[in-house]
Protein backbone atom coordinates (compact mmCIF):
# COMPACT_ATOMS: atom_id res chain seq x y z
CA MET A 1 50.75 77.65 142.13
CA GLN A 2 52.78 79.69 139.23
CA GLN A 3 55.77 80.84 139.80
CA GLY A 4 58.91 81.96 138.12
CA THR A 5 59.31 81.36 134.59
CA SER A 6 56.97 78.30 132.84
CA ILE A 7 58.91 76.04 130.47
CA LYS A 8 57.72 77.17 127.75
CA ALA A 9 58.48 80.60 128.40
CA ILE A 10 62.49 79.75 128.89
CA ARG A 11 62.11 77.71 125.62
CA PHE A 12 60.96 80.28 124.01
CA GLN A 13 63.70 82.92 124.82
CA GLU A 14 66.63 79.95 124.24
CA THR A 15 64.88 79.92 120.61
CA ILE A 16 65.16 83.64 120.12
CA ILE A 17 68.76 83.80 121.80
CA SER A 18 69.59 81.36 119.43
CA ARG A 19 68.82 83.04 116.55
CA LEU A 20 70.27 85.59 117.65
CA GLU A 21 73.75 83.81 118.13
CA ASN A 22 73.18 82.86 114.65
CA GLU A 23 72.17 85.89 112.96
CA ILE A 24 75.28 87.69 114.53
CA LEU A 25 78.02 84.76 113.48
CA ILE A 26 76.50 85.75 109.81
CA LEU A 27 76.36 89.53 110.29
CA GLN A 28 80.07 88.70 111.63
CA GLN A 29 80.89 86.42 108.61
CA GLN A 30 80.06 89.04 106.43
CA THR A 31 81.88 92.18 108.20
CA GLN A 32 84.76 89.76 107.63
CA ARG A 33 84.16 88.90 104.04
CA ALA A 34 83.61 92.78 103.73
CA ARG A 35 86.42 94.07 105.63
CA THR A 36 88.86 91.51 103.30
CA MET A 37 87.59 93.08 99.99
CA MET A 38 88.40 96.56 101.31
CA GLN A 39 91.88 95.53 102.16
CA SER A 40 92.05 94.44 98.75
CA LYS A 41 90.42 97.12 96.72
CA GLN A 42 92.98 99.68 99.64
CA ARG A 43 95.74 97.04 97.83
CA GLN A 44 94.70 98.06 94.86
CA LEU A 45 94.56 101.16 94.68
CA ILE A 46 97.65 102.01 96.58
CA ASP A 47 99.43 100.22 93.76
CA ALA A 48 97.80 101.40 90.90
CA SER A 49 98.37 104.82 92.73
CA VAL A 50 102.49 103.83 92.93
CA GLU A 51 102.18 102.81 89.17
CA LEU A 52 100.44 106.61 88.21
CA LYS A 53 103.54 108.19 89.84
CA LYS A 54 106.21 106.06 87.79
CA TYR A 55 104.37 106.84 85.10
CA GLU A 56 104.07 110.62 86.40
CA LYS A 57 108.01 110.54 86.53
CA MET A 58 109.02 108.99 83.61
CA LYS A 59 106.28 111.41 81.28
CA GLN A 60 108.60 114.56 83.45
CA ARG A 61 112.08 112.83 82.63
CA GLN A 62 111.16 112.46 78.88
CA HIS A 63 109.44 116.05 78.48
CA GLU A 64 113.15 117.47 79.87
CA GLN A 65 114.99 115.68 78.18
CA PHE A 66 112.85 116.81 75.11
CA LEU A 67 113.50 120.27 76.13
CA GLU A 68 117.24 119.82 76.85
CA GLU A 69 117.58 118.14 73.18
CA SER A 70 115.56 121.53 72.05
CA LYS A 71 118.27 123.45 73.45
CA ARG A 72 120.99 121.94 72.02
CA LEU A 73 119.76 121.70 68.94
CA GLU A 74 119.33 125.69 69.31
CA ILE A 75 122.62 126.00 70.30
CA ILE A 76 123.83 124.63 67.18
CA GLU A 77 121.30 126.29 64.91
CA MET A 78 122.28 129.04 66.36
CA ASN A 79 126.54 128.48 66.05
CA GLU A 80 125.71 127.78 62.57
CA LEU A 81 124.51 130.89 61.79
CA SER A 82 127.02 133.34 63.33
CA ILE A 83 129.61 130.67 61.15
CA GLN A 84 127.56 131.36 58.21
CA ALA A 85 127.24 135.72 59.36
CA PHE A 86 131.30 135.63 59.96
CA VAL A 87 132.22 134.58 56.44
CA ASN A 88 129.74 136.15 54.54
CA ARG A 89 131.26 139.30 55.54
């Protein structure tokens, strides 16, 4: 007179379900930690990118200032040479 599922089989299935639920919980926690770490690394990358852009902009400004100063000095030198040439005539 065996009808349905035995108590032993039900307990075995409950044990398997319990283990799977625990494994799911552990994997969800690991996934959340990995997600948190990824978001932290992404923020660090964004911050580093912003700092790099600031540095590049600063270097560009310095280069432009150097070019302007070089041009200014060249104009002064040309003026002095023109004055010298005029005086020595």
